[in-house]
C-alpha atoms as a PDB file:
ATOM      1  CA  MET A   1       0.000   0.000   0.000  1.00  0.00           C
ATOM      2  CA  HIS A   2       2.912   2.327   0.630  1.00  0.00           C
ATOM      3  CA  SER A   3       6.509   2.153  -0.457  1.00  0.00           C
ATOM      4  CA  ARG A   4       8.173   3.107   2.812  1.00  0.00           C
ATOM      5  CA  LYS A   5      10.548   0.531   4.201  1.00  0.00           C
ATOM      6  CA  ALA A   6      10.558  -0.597   7.814  1.00  0.00           C
ATOM      7  CA  ILE A   7      13.074  -2.528   9.860  1.00  0.00           C
ATOM      8  CA  SER A   8      11.833  -5.754  11.356  1.00  0.00           C
ATOM      9  CA  LEU A   9      11.678  -5.419  15.153  1.00  0.00           C
ATOM     10  CA  ALA A  10       8.271  -6.757  16.195  1.00  0.00           C
ATOM     11  CA  ASN A  11       6.930 -10.318  16.262  1.00  0.00           C
ATOM     12  CA  LEU A  12       4.305 -10.062  13.544  1.00  0.00           C
ATOM     13  CA  PRO A  13       1.587 -10.877  12.720  1.00  0.00           C
ATOM     14  CA  THR A  14       0.054 -10.767  16.187  1.00  0.00           C
ATOM     15  CA  LYS A  15      -2.740 -13.236  16.765  1.00  0.00           C
ATOM     16  CA  ILE A  16      -6.462 -12.581  17.046  1.00  0.00           C
ATOM     17  CA  GLU A  17      -8.413 -14.484  19.713  1.00  0.00           C
ATOM     18  CA  LYS A  18     -12.087 -14.567  20.621  1.00  0.00           C
ATOM     19  CA  LEU A  19     -13.003 -13.460  24.135  1.00  0.00           C
ATOM     20  CA  GLU A  20     -15.428 -16.344  24.590  1.00  0.00           C
ATOM     21  CA  LYS A  21     -16.744 -15.661  28.086  1.00  0.00           C
ATOM     22  CA  LEU A  22     -17.039 -11.899  27.644  1.00  0.00           C
ATOM     23  CA  SER A  23     -18.853 -12.434  24.304  1.00  0.00           C
ATOM     24  CA  LYS A  24     -21.313 -14.746  26.005  1.00  0.00           C
ATOM     25  CA  GLU A  25     -21.858 -12.320  28.882  1.00  0.00           C
ATOM     26  CA  LEU A  26     -22.534  -9.371  26.558  1.00  0.00           C
ATOM     27  CA  GLY A  27     -24.358 -11.276  23.837  1.00  0.00           C
ATOM     28  CA  GLN A  28     -21.992  -9.944  21.205  1.00  0.00           C
ATOM     29  CA  GLU A  29     -18.974 -11.387  19.367  1.00  0.00           C
ATOM     30  CA  ILE A  30     -15.822  -9.784  20.783  1.00  0.00           C
ATOM     31  CA  TYR A  31     -12.312 -10.530  19.581  1.00  0.00           C
ATOM     32  CA  ILE A  32      -8.935  -9.196  20.682  1.00  0.00           C
ATOM     33  CA  LYS A  33      -5.793  -8.584  18.622  1.00  0.00           C
ATOM     34  CA  ARG A  34      -2.762  -9.278  20.780  1.00  0.00           C
ATOM     35  CA  ASP A  35      -0.474  -6.359  19.956  1.00  0.00           C
ATOM     36  CA  ASP A  36       0.691  -6.682  23.561  1.00  0.00           C
ATOM     37  CA  GLN A  37       2.631  -9.678  22.204  1.00  0.00           C
ATOM     38  CA  THR A  38       4.764  -7.811  19.659  1.00  0.00           C
ATOM     39  CA  GLY A  39       7.782  -8.591  21.863  1.00  0.00           C
ATOM     40  CA  SER A  40       8.990  -8.654  25.456  1.00  0.00           C
ATOM     41  CA  GLU A  41      11.116  -5.529  25.961  1.00  0.00           C
ATOM     42  CA  VAL A  42       9.364  -3.765  23.080  1.00  0.00           C
ATOM     43  CA  SER A  43       5.883  -5.087  23.941  1.00  0.00           C
ATOM     44  CA  GLY A  44       2.867  -3.127  22.741  1.00  0.00           C
ATOM     45  CA  ASN A  45       1.797  -0.939  19.835  1.00  0.00           C
ATOM     46  CA  LYS A  46       4.703   1.522  19.784  1.00  0.00           C
ATOM     47  CA  ILE A  47       7.122  -0.909  18.191  1.00  0.00           C
ATOM     48  CA  ARG A  48       5.054  -1.050  14.983  1.00  0.00           C
ATOM     49  CA  LYS A  49       5.532   2.712  14.654  1.00  0.00           C
ATOM     50  CA  LEU A  50       9.206   2.558  15.589  1.00  0.00           C
ATOM     51  CA  GLU A  51       9.888   0.071  12.778  1.00  0.00           C
ATOM     52  CA  TYR A  52       9.257   2.943  10.346  1.00  0.00           C
ATOM     53  CA  ALA A  53      10.613   5.897  12.332  1.00  0.00           C
ATOM     54  CA  VAL A  54      13.853   4.149  13.302  1.00  0.00           C
ATOM     55  CA  LYS A  55      14.425   2.990   9.711  1.00  0.00           C
ATOM     56  CA  GLU A  56      14.264   6.648   8.671  1.00  0.00           C
ATOM     57  CA  ALA A  57      16.698   7.547  11.491  1.00  0.00           C
ATOM     58  CA  LEU A  58      19.188   4.881  10.379  1.00  0.00           C
ATOM     59  CA  ASP A  59      18.843   5.933   6.727  1.00  0.00           C
ATOM     60  CA  LYS A  60      19.811   9.447   7.820  1.00  0.00           C
ATOM     61  CA  GLY A  61      22.901   8.096   9.579  1.00  0.00           C
ATOM     62  CA  CYS A  62      21.658   8.872  13.080  1.00  0.00           C
ATOM     63  CA  ASP A  63      23.234   7.247  16.139  1.00  0.00           C
ATOM     64  CA  TYR A  64      20.870   8.634  18.789  1.00  0.00           C
ATOM     65  CA  LEU A  65      17.104   8.524  19.291  1.00  0.00           C
ATOM     66  CA  ILE A  66      15.445  11.286  21.310  1.00  0.00           C
ATOM     67  CA  THR A  67      11.843  10.975  22.398  1.00  0.00           C
ATOM     68  CA  CYS A  68       9.429  11.983  25.157  1.00  0.00           C
ATOM     69  CA  GLY A  69       6.551  10.770  27.315  1.00  0.00           C
ATOM     70  CA  GLY A  70       5.304  10.395  30.863  1.00  0.00           C
ATOM     71  CA  ILE A  71       7.501   8.680  33.446  1.00  0.00           C
ATOM     72  CA  GLN A  72       5.730   5.377  32.680  1.00  0.00           C
ATOM     73  CA  SER A  73       5.728   5.885  28.902  1.00  0.00           C
ATOM     74  CA  ASN A  74       5.515   2.589  26.995  1.00  0.00           C
ATOM     75  CA  HIS A  75       6.802   4.384  23.911  1.00  0.00           C
ATOM     76  CA  ALA A  76       9.892   5.749  25.702  1.00  0.00           C
ATOM     77  CA  ARG A  77      10.684   2.263  27.030  1.00  0.00           C
ATOM     78  CA  ALA A  78      10.261   0.667  23.594  1.00  0.00           C
ATOM     79  CA  THR A  79      12.551   3.339  22.108  1.00  0.00           C
ATOM     80  CA  ALA A  80      15.199   2.636  24.783  1.00  0.00           C
ATOM     81  CA  ALA A  81      14.984  -1.100  24.006  1.00  0.00           C
ATOM     82  CA  VAL A  82      15.311  -0.584  20.245  1.00  0.00           C
ATOM     83  CA  ALA A  83      18.286   1.760  20.706  1.00  0.00           C
ATOM     84  CA  ALA A  84      20.053  -0.791  22.927  1.00  0.00           C
ATOM     85  CA  LYS A  85      19.351  -3.550  20.409  1.00  0.00           C
ATOM     86  CA  LEU A  86      20.748  -1.475  17.532  1.00  0.00           C
ATOM     87  CA  GLY A  87      23.746  -0.224  19.520  1.00  0.00           C
ATOM     88  CA  ILE A  88      22.770   3.450  19.373  1.00  0.00           C
ATOM     89  CA  GLY A  89      21.967   5.980  22.106  1.00  0.00           C
ATOM     90  CA  ALA A  90      18.568   6.844  23.584  1.00  0.00           C
ATOM     91  CA  TYR A  91      17.694  10.110  25.323  1.00  0.00           C
ATOM     92  CA  LEU A  92      14.279  10.330  26.968  1.00  0.00           C
ATOM     93  CA  VAL A  93      12.485  13.506  28.054  1.00  0.00           C
ATOM     94  CA  LEU A  94      10.062  12.340  30.733  1.00  0.00           C
ATOM     95  CA  ARG A  95       7.251  14.298  32.356  1.00  0.00           C
ATOM     96  CA  GLY A  96       7.438  14.033  36.127  1.00  0.00           C
ATOM     97  CA  GLU A  97       9.999  13.980  38.884  1.00  0.00           C
ATOM     98  CA  GLU A  98      12.791  11.530  39.347  1.00  0.00           C
ATOM     99  CA  GLU A  99      11.326   8.800  41.501  1.00  0.00           C
ATOM    100  CA  ASN A 100      13.190   6.927  44.189  1.00  0.00           C
ATOM    101  CA  GLU A 101      11.074   3.924  43.418  1.00  0.00           C
ATOM    102  CA  LEU A 102      12.434   2.306  40.273  1.00  0.00           C
ATOM    103  CA  GLU A 103       9.454   0.476  38.813  1.00  0.00           C
ATOM    104  CA  GLY A 104       7.620  -0.340  35.622  1.00  0.00           C
ATOM    105  CA  ASN A 105       8.736   1.320  32.403  1.00  0.00           C
ATOM    106  CA  TYR A 106      10.991   3.801  34.263  1.00  0.00           C
ATOM    107  CA  PHE A 107      12.944   0.887  35.752  1.00  0.00           C
ATOM    108  CA  LEU A 108      13.336  -0.659  32.284  1.00  0.00           C
ATOM    109  CA  ASP A 109      14.505   2.674  30.791  1.00  0.00           C
ATOM    110  CA  LYS A 110      17.302   2.709  33.374  1.00  0.00           C
ATOM    111  CA  LEU A 111      18.092  -0.963  32.873  1.00  0.00           C
ATOM    112  CA  LEU A 112      18.389  -0.413  29.105  1.00  0.00           C
ATOM    113  CA  GLY A 113      20.843   2.457  29.625  1.00  0.00           C
ATOM    114  CA  ALA A 114      18.772   5.373  28.313  1.00  0.00           C
ATOM    115  CA  LYS A 115      19.727   8.907  29.308  1.00  0.00           C
ATOM    116  CA  ILE A 116      16.809  10.646  31.009  1.00  0.00           C
ATOM    117  CA  ARG A 117      15.865  14.270  31.493  1.00  0.00           C
ATOM    118  CA  PHE A 118      12.892  15.042  33.739  1.00  0.00           C
ATOM    119  CA  VAL A 119      10.677  18.024  32.979  1.00  0.00           C
ATOM    120  CA  THR A 120       7.651  19.568  34.691  1.00  0.00           C
ATOM    121  CA  GLY A 121       4.128  19.133  33.343  1.00  0.00           C
ATOM    122  CA  GLU A 122       4.149  22.729  32.104  1.00  0.00           C
ATOM    123  CA  GLU A 123       7.509  22.350  30.329  1.00  0.00           C
ATOM    124  CA  TYR A 124       6.266  19.126  28.769  1.00  0.00           C
ATOM    125  CA  SER A 125       3.052  20.701  27.478  1.00  0.00           C
ATOM    126  CA  ASN A 126       4.615  23.870  26.105  1.00  0.00           C
ATOM    127  CA  LYS A 127       8.284  23.208  25.415  1.00  0.00           C
ATOM    128  CA  ARG A 128       8.933  19.506  24.877  1.00  0.00           C
ATOM    129  CA  MET A 129       9.924  19.947  21.218  1.00  0.00           C
ATOM    130  CA  ASP A 130      12.302  22.815  22.099  1.00  0.00           C
ATOM    131  CA  ILE A 131      13.836  20.698  24.857  1.00  0.00           C
ATOM    132  CA  MET A 132      14.384  17.771  22.474  1.00  0.00           C
ATOM    133  CA  GLU A 133      15.915  20.135  19.872  1.00  0.00           C
ATOM    134  CA  GLU A 134      18.271  21.488  22.557  1.00  0.00           C
ATOM    135  CA  ILE A 135      19.358  17.928  23.478  1.00  0.00           C
ATOM    136  CA  LYS A 136      19.880  17.215  19.763  1.00  0.00           C
ATOM    137  CA  ALA A 137      22.098  20.310  19.440  1.00  0.00           C
ATOM    138  CA  ASN A 138      24.130  19.317  22.519  1.00  0.00           C
ATOM    139  CA  LEU A 139      24.602  15.793  21.183  1.00  0.00           C
ATOM    140  CA  ALA A 140      25.740  17.270  17.850  1.00  0.00           C
ATOM    141  CA  LYS A 141      28.516  19.140  19.722  1.00  0.00           C
ATOM    142  CA  GLU A 142      29.662  15.732  21.001  1.00  0.00           C
ATOM    143  CA  GLY A 143      29.734  14.394  17.440  1.00  0.00           C
ATOM    144  CA  HIS A 144      26.407  12.563  17.499  1.00  0.00           C
ATOM    145  CA  ARG A 145      23.612  12.719  15.007  1.00  0.00           C
ATOM    146  CA  ALA A 146      20.239  12.489  16.741  1.00  0.00           C
ATOM    147  CA  TYR A 147      16.767  11.767  15.403  1.00  0.00           C
ATOM    148  CA  ILE A 148      13.737  13.144  17.257  1.00  0.00           C
ATOM    149  CA  ILE A 149      10.666  10.917  17.544  1.00  0.00           C
ATOM    150  CA  PRO A 150       7.548  12.785  18.744  1.00  0.00           C
ATOM    151  CA  GLU A 151       5.353  11.623  21.620  1.00  0.00           C
ATOM    152  CA  GLY A 152       4.087   8.088  20.991  1.00  0.00           C
ATOM    153  CA  ALA A 153       5.808   8.073  17.549  1.00  0.00           C
ATOM    154  CA  SER A 154       2.491   9.604  16.483  1.00  0.00           C
ATOM    155  CA  ASN A 155       3.496  11.302  13.276  1.00  0.00           C
ATOM    156  CA  GLY A 156       3.032  10.449   9.619  1.00  0.00           C
ATOM    157  CA  ILE A 157       5.848   7.942   9.394  1.00  0.00           C
ATOM    158  CA  GLY A 158       5.065   6.295  12.744  1.00  0.00           C
ATOM    159  CA  SER A 159       1.405   5.897  11.802  1.00  0.00           C
ATOM    160  CA  LEU A 160       2.447   3.778   8.805  1.00  0.00           C
ATOM    161  CA  GLY A 161       2.993   1.012  11.376  1.00  0.00           C
ATOM    162  CA  TYR A 162      -0.768   0.875  11.912  1.00  0.00           C
ATOM    163  CA  CYS A 163      -1.576   1.177   8.207  1.00  0.00           C
ATOM    164  CA  ASN A 164       0.446  -2.019   8.038  1.00  0.00           C
ATOM    165  CA  ALA A 165      -1.451  -3.482  11.037  1.00  0.00           C
ATOM    166  CA  MET A 166      -4.756  -2.841   9.245  1.00  0.00           C
ATOM    167  CA  ASP A 167      -3.459  -4.670   6.165  1.00  0.00           C
ATOM    168  CA  GLU A 168      -2.525  -7.515   8.550  1.00  0.00           C
ATOM    169  CA  ILE A 169      -6.076  -7.564  10.011  1.00  0.00           C
ATOM    170  CA  LEU A 170      -7.625  -7.755   6.516  1.00  0.00           C
ATOM    171  CA  LYS A 171      -5.427 -10.760   5.733  1.00  0.00           C
ATOM    172  CA  GLN A 172      -6.350 -12.415   9.058  1.00  0.00           C
ATOM    173  CA  GLU A 173     -10.068 -11.881   8.369  1.00  0.00           C
ATOM    174  CA  LYS A 174      -9.704 -14.082   5.270  1.00  0.00           C
ATOM    175  CA  GLU A 175      -7.782 -16.744   7.212  1.00  0.00           C
ATOM    176  CA  LEU A 176     -10.314 -16.751  10.080  1.00  0.00           C
ATOM    177  CA  GLY A 177     -13.378 -16.429   7.874  1.00  0.00           C
ATOM    178  CA  ILE A 178     -14.597 -13.484   9.967  1.00  0.00           C
ATOM    179  CA  LYS A 179     -15.448  -9.917   8.970  1.00  0.00           C
ATOM    180  CA  PHE A 180     -14.825  -7.355  11.705  1.00  0.00           C
ATOM    181  CA  ASP A 181     -17.330  -4.561  11.256  1.00  0.00           C
ATOM    182  CA  ALA A 182     -16.056  -2.611  14.280  1.00  0.00           C
ATOM    183  CA  ILE A 183     -12.453  -2.137  15.419  1.00  0.00           C
ATOM    184  CA  ALA A 184     -11.794  -0.381  18.742  1.00  0.00           C
ATOM    185  CA  VAL A 185      -8.540   1.000  20.117  1.00  0.00           C
ATOM    186  CA  ALA A 186      -7.359   3.282  22.938  1.00  0.00           C
ATOM    187  CA  VAL A 187      -6.380   6.786  21.804  1.00  0.00           C
ATOM    188  CA  GLY A 188      -3.599   8.564  23.699  1.00  0.00           C
ATOM    189  CA  SER A 189      -1.687  10.431  20.990  1.00  0.00           C
ATOM    190  CA  GLY A 190      -3.629   9.528  17.842  1.00  0.00           C
ATOM    191  CA  GLY A 191      -1.104   7.701  15.658  1.00  0.00           C
ATOM    192  CA  THR A 192      -2.416   4.161  16.116  1.00  0.00           C
ATOM    193  CA  TYR A 193      -5.975   5.261  15.354  1.00  0.00           C
ATOM    194  CA  ALA A 194      -4.900   7.371  12.353  1.00  0.00           C
ATOM    195  CA  GLY A 195      -2.957   4.507  10.761  1.00  0.00           C
ATOM    196  CA  LEU A 196      -5.880   2.085  11.158  1.00  0.00           C
ATOM    197  CA  TYR A 197      -8.359   4.663   9.857  1.00  0.00           C
ATOM    198  CA  TYR A 198      -6.240   5.569   6.835  1.00  0.00           C
ATOM    199  CA  ALA A 199      -5.688   1.958   5.701  1.00  0.00           C
ATOM    200  CA  ASN A 200      -9.333   1.049   6.369  1.00  0.00           C
ATOM    201  CA  HIS A 201     -10.372   3.953   4.144  1.00  0.00           C
ATOM    202  CA  VAL A 202      -7.956   3.401   1.238  1.00  0.00           C
ATOM    203  CA  ASN A 203      -8.777  -0.323   1.191  1.00  0.00           C
ATOM    204  CA  ASN A 204     -12.484   0.599   0.866  1.00  0.00           C
ATOM    205  CA  ASN A 205     -13.112  -1.590   3.897  1.00  0.00           C
ATOM    206  CA  ASP A 206     -16.429  -0.872   5.572  1.00  0.00           C
ATOM    207  CA  SER A 207     -15.379  -1.473   9.157  1.00  0.00           C
ATOM    208  CA  VAL A 208     -15.940   1.392  11.612  1.00  0.00           C
ATOM    209  CA  ILE A 209     -12.761   2.370  13.474  1.00  0.00           C
ATOM    210  CA  TYR A 210     -13.608   3.498  17.019  1.00  0.00           C
ATOM    211  CA  GLY A 211     -11.148   5.295  19.274  1.00  0.00           C
ATOM    212  CA  ILE A 212     -11.688   5.593  23.020  1.00  0.00           C
ATOM    213  CA  ASN A 213      -9.675   8.526  24.298  1.00  0.00           C
ATOM    214  CA  VAL A 214      -7.725   8.126  27.565  1.00  0.00           C
ATOM    215  CA  CYS A 215      -6.812  11.824  27.871  1.00  0.00           C
ATOM    216  CA  ASN A 216      -7.951  15.197  26.439  1.00  0.00           C
ATOM    217  CA  ASP A 217     -11.338  14.994  24.702  1.00  0.00           C
ATOM    218  CA  ALA A 218     -12.835  13.631  21.483  1.00  0.00           C
ATOM    219  CA  ASP A 219     -12.703  16.981  19.677  1.00  0.00           C
ATOM    220  CA  HIS A 220      -8.961  17.340  20.376  1.00  0.00           C
ATOM    221  CA  PHE A 221      -8.248  13.907  18.890  1.00  0.00           C
ATOM    222  CA  LYS A 222     -10.532  14.364  15.880  1.00  0.00           C
ATOM    223  CA  GLY A 223      -8.426  17.399  14.957  1.00  0.00           C
ATOM    224  CA  ARG A 224      -5.187  15.540  15.635  1.00  0.00           C
ATOM    225  CA  VAL A 225      -6.250  12.527  13.561  1.00  0.00           C
ATOM    226  CA  LEU A 226      -7.089  14.760  10.569  1.00  0.00           C
ATOM    227  CA  GLU A 227      -3.562  16.279  10.804  1.00  0.00           C
ATOM    228  CA  LEU A 228      -2.021  12.799  10.964  1.00  0.00           C
ATOM    229  CA  LEU A 229      -4.036  11.560   7.963  1.00  0.00           C
ATOM    230  CA  LYS A 230      -2.531  14.447   5.949  1.00  0.00           C
ATOM    231  CA  GLU A 231       0.967  13.558   7.181  1.00  0.00           C
ATOM    232  CA  ILE A 232       0.488   9.878   6.281  1.00  0.00           C
ATOM    233  CA  SER A 233      -0.480  10.889   2.735  1.00  0.00           C
ATOM    234  CA  THR A 234       2.872  12.650   2.261  1.00  0.00           C
ATOM    235  CA  TYR A 235       4.476   9.183   2.549  1.00  0.00           C
ATOM    236  CA  THR A 236       1.864   7.227   0.571  1.00  0.00           C
ATOM    237  CA  GLY A 237       1.124   9.838  -2.077  1.00  0.00           C
ATOM    238  CA  LYS A 238      -2.607   9.315  -1.589  1.00  0.00           C
ATOM    239  CA  GLU A 239      -4.654  11.892   0.309  1.00  0.00           C
ATOM    240  CA  ILE A 240      -8.039  10.993   1.771  1.00  0.00           C
ATOM    241  CA  HIS A 241     -10.756  13.553   2.253  1.00  0.00           C
ATOM    242  CA  VAL A 242     -12.651  13.230   5.514  1.00  0.00           C
ATOM    243  CA  GLY A 243     -13.866  15.650   8.164  1.00  0.00           C
ATOM    244  CA  LYS A 244     -14.257  15.624  11.939  1.00  0.00           C
ATOM    245  CA  LYS A 245     -17.738  14.114  11.607  1.00  0.00           C
ATOM    246  CA  ASP A 246     -16.206  11.012   9.978  1.00  0.00           C
ATOM    247  CA  ILE A 247     -13.888  10.253  12.891  1.00  0.00           C
ATOM    248  CA  ASP A 248     -15.475   8.027  15.554  1.00  0.00           C
ATOM    249  CA  ILE A 249     -13.999   8.841  18.948  1.00  0.00           C
ATOM    250  CA  ILE A 250     -15.962   7.794  22.009  1.00  0.00           C
ATOM    251  CA  ASP A 251     -15.572  10.280  24.838  1.00  0.00           C
ATOM    252  CA  GLY A 252     -16.438   9.866  28.503  1.00  0.00           C
ATOM    253  CA  TYR A 253     -13.945   7.288  29.737  1.00  0.00           C
ATOM    254  CA  VAL A 254     -10.947   9.458  30.672  1.00  0.00           C
ATOM    255  CA  GLY A 255     -12.059   9.120  34.305  1.00  0.00           C
ATOM    256  CA  LYS A 256      -9.818  11.002  36.722  1.00  0.00           C
ATOM    257  CA  GLY A 257      -7.401  11.906  33.934  1.00  0.00           C
ATOM    258  CA  TYR A 258      -4.418  10.501  32.061  1.00  0.00           C
ATOM    259  CA  ALA A 259      -2.723   7.637  33.934  1.00  0.00           C
ATOM    260  CA  LEU A 260      -5.029   8.137  36.953  1.00  0.00           C
ATOM    261  CA  SER A 261      -7.161   5.140  37.862  1.00  0.00           C
ATOM    262  CA  ARG A 262     -10.631   4.817  39.347  1.00  0.00           C
ATOM    263  CA  GLN A 263     -11.541   1.810  41.438  1.00  0.00           C
ATOM    264  CA  GLU A 264     -14.202   0.675  38.939  1.00  0.00           C
ATOM    265  CA  GLU A 265     -11.620   0.612  36.106  1.00  0.00           C
ATOM    266  CA  ILE A 266      -9.226  -1.528  38.147  1.00  0.00           C
ATOM    267  CA  ASP A 267     -12.091  -3.833  39.212  1.00  0.00           C
ATOM    268  CA  PHE A 268     -13.004  -4.263  35.542  1.00  0.00           C
ATOM    269  CA  ILE A 269      -9.396  -5.108  34.575  1.00  0.00           C
ATOM    270  CA  GLN A 270      -9.262  -7.648  37.399  1.00  0.00           C
ATOM    271  CA  LYS A 271     -12.574  -9.223  36.354  1.00  0.00           C
ATOM    272  CA  LEU A 272     -11.416  -9.569  32.729  1.00  0.00           C
ATOM    273  CA  ALA A 273      -8.069 -11.053  33.830  1.00  0.00           C
ATOM    274  CA  ARG A 274      -9.906 -13.746  35.802  1.00  0.00           C
ATOM    275  CA  GLN A 275     -12.525 -14.257  33.095  1.00  0.00           C
ATOM    276  CA  GLU A 276     -10.258 -14.483  30.032  1.00  0.00           C
ATOM    277  CA  GLY A 277      -6.658 -14.703  31.293  1.00  0.00           C
ATOM    278  CA  VAL A 278      -5.918 -11.414  29.488  1.00  0.00           C
ATOM    279  CA  ILE A 279      -4.187  -8.616  31.383  1.00  0.00           C
ATOM    280  CA  LEU A 280      -4.944  -5.032  30.371  1.00  0.00           C
ATOM    281  CA  ASP A 281      -3.073  -1.978  31.640  1.00  0.00           C
ATOM    282  CA  PRO A 282      -4.506   0.835  33.784  1.00  0.00           C
ATOM    283  CA  VAL A 283      -3.479   3.728  31.488  1.00  0.00           C
ATOM    284  CA  TYR A 284      -4.655   2.741  27.995  1.00  0.00           C
ATOM    285  CA  THR A 285      -6.271  -0.633  27.330  1.00  0.00           C
ATOM    286  CA  GLY A 286      -8.053  -0.896  30.683  1.00  0.00           C
ATOM    287  CA  LYS A 287      -9.886   2.398  30.168  1.00  0.00           C
ATOM    288  CA  ALA A 288     -10.564   1.683  26.495  1.00  0.00           C
ATOM    289  CA  MET A 289     -11.974  -1.808  27.060  1.00  0.00           C
ATOM    290  CA  TYR A 290     -13.963  -0.537  30.066  1.00  0.00           C
ATOM    291  CA  GLY A 291     -15.394   2.101  27.708  1.00  0.00           C
ATOM    292  CA  LEU A 292     -16.090  -0.384  24.926  1.00  0.00           C
ATOM    293  CA  VAL A 293     -17.928  -2.764  27.280  1.00  0.00           C
ATOM    294  CA  GLY A 294     -19.843   0.194  28.751  1.00  0.00           C
ATOM    295  CA  GLU A 295     -20.972   1.233  25.255  1.00  0.00           C
ATOM    296  CA  ILE A 296     -21.927  -2.346  24.320  1.00  0.00           C
ATOM    297  CA  ARG A 297     -24.059  -2.562  27.482  1.00  0.00           C
ATOM    298  CA  LYS A 298     -25.762   0.718  26.478  1.00  0.00           C
ATOM    299  CA  GLY A 299     -26.621  -0.774  23.090  1.00  0.00           C
ATOM    300  CA  SER A 300     -24.367   1.575  21.056  1.00  0.00           C
ATOM    301  CA  PHE A 301     -22.797  -1.412  19.253  1.00  0.00           C
ATOM    302  CA  ASN A 302     -26.005  -3.340  18.515  1.00  0.00           C
ATOM    303  CA  LYS A 303     -25.569  -2.756  14.761  1.00  0.00           C
ATOM    304  CA  HIS A 304     -22.201  -4.547  14.826  1.00  0.00           C
ATOM    305  CA  LYS A 305     -21.706  -8.278  14.495  1.00  0.00           C
ATOM    306  CA  ASN A 306     -17.978  -8.862  15.124  1.00  0.00           C
ATOM    307  CA  ILE A 307     -16.038  -6.395  17.234  1.00  0.00           C
ATOM    308  CA  LEU A 308     -12.218  -6.402  17.330  1.00  0.00           C
ATOM    309  CA  PHE A 309     -10.423  -4.728  20.234  1.00  0.00           C
ATOM    310  CA  ILE A 310      -6.731  -4.008  19.736  1.00  0.00           C
ATOM    311  CA  HIS A 311      -4.689  -4.757  22.860  1.00  0.00           C
ATOM    312  CA  THR A 312      -1.925  -2.176  22.543  1.00  0.00           C
ATOM    313  CA  GLY A 313       0.116  -3.463  25.502  1.00  0.00           C
ATOM    314  CA  GLY A 314       1.205  -1.494  28.554  1.00  0.00           C
ATOM    315  CA  ILE A 315       1.683  -4.241  31.129  1.00  0.00           C
ATOM    316  CA  PHE A 316       4.792  -2.499  32.531  1.00  0.00           C
ATOM    317  CA  GLY A 317       2.674   0.560  33.359  1.00  0.00           C
ATOM    318  CA  TRP A 318       1.240  -1.077  36.482  1.00  0.00           C
ATOM    319  CA  ASN A 319       2.722   1.223  39.134  1.00  0.00           C
ATOM    320  CA  SER A 320       2.333   0.906  42.889  1.00  0.00           C
ATOM    321  CA  PHE A 321      -0.704   3.234  42.945  1.00  0.00           C
ATOM    322  CA  ALA A 322      -2.669   1.137  40.437  1.00  0.00           C
ATOM    323  CA  ARG A 323      -1.545  -2.107  42.066  1.00  0.00           C
ATOM    324  CA  ALA A 324      -2.799  -0.893  45.456  1.00  0.00           C
ATOM    325  CA  LEU A 325      -6.346  -0.749  44.033  1.00  0.00           C
ATOM    326  CA  ILE A 326      -6.399  -4.463  43.240  1.00  0.00           C
ATOM    327  CA  GLU A 327      -8.687  -6.479  45.483  1.00  0.00           C
ATOM    328  CA  LYS A 328      -6.481  -8.476  47.827  1.00  0.00           C
END
């Protein structure tokens, strides 16, 4: 579908399983695509995007990757793992304060040897690109050539990873003899959703791509997705013409805010773990699946026959606060 090359880093294709007990409980056919199984150190959806972004970095002769995220960023951890694997440097700009407690993704960043700079929430919101450019300039003085990957690798080239994932799903539909008429995914920076949406559209596939936002609001992400669809087209050479009304983002499940858990979300994750043996994370997939099930219960998905939820990973994001909410 597009001519861009990627480097092979993820274990692909990832399998699709039916959530038998949940389907029975809800009276609807629900399947899950295990993108949490793309790898161990690189587990989750970010590695699909990094396959494209890092290829571009290597083609440009870069020996350093700079990226950003929250202290428990799955994307930052995957970037650190890829850099270590390829023998290049990683510099992470993380929102938050240096924690004494080394846990989750932050622990793995350290273990993988990434350099880390902590910034305040305000600096992150308003100046993260400037900060990454400054790090790039400083590395250049030391003789390094750095490549900046935006938050979540959610840019045109990163989103190609999920155009590719959509092509993979279409192939798996044929193998499984199933047509997914609804595909749902957590939305935290927009790139995963945009890639799926773009490929669904250019393949003239009539599935509805639903995003469930875990931060900001639906309007913010509709705007962001439209920007990303334009960026993707600069790599594919094929622009698609859609408006905000065409983007299906389901609002109302952000809860207390990004990476903040409510008891009912954690209870839901625990119930699903015991019901299906599938572990979601508290930041992305837990909220998104909680939202999807909530909408199915309301009847919003009655018109759909087969629903596919994409498990985008995040198991390392279980910090002590979220773990404390688990029923003993």
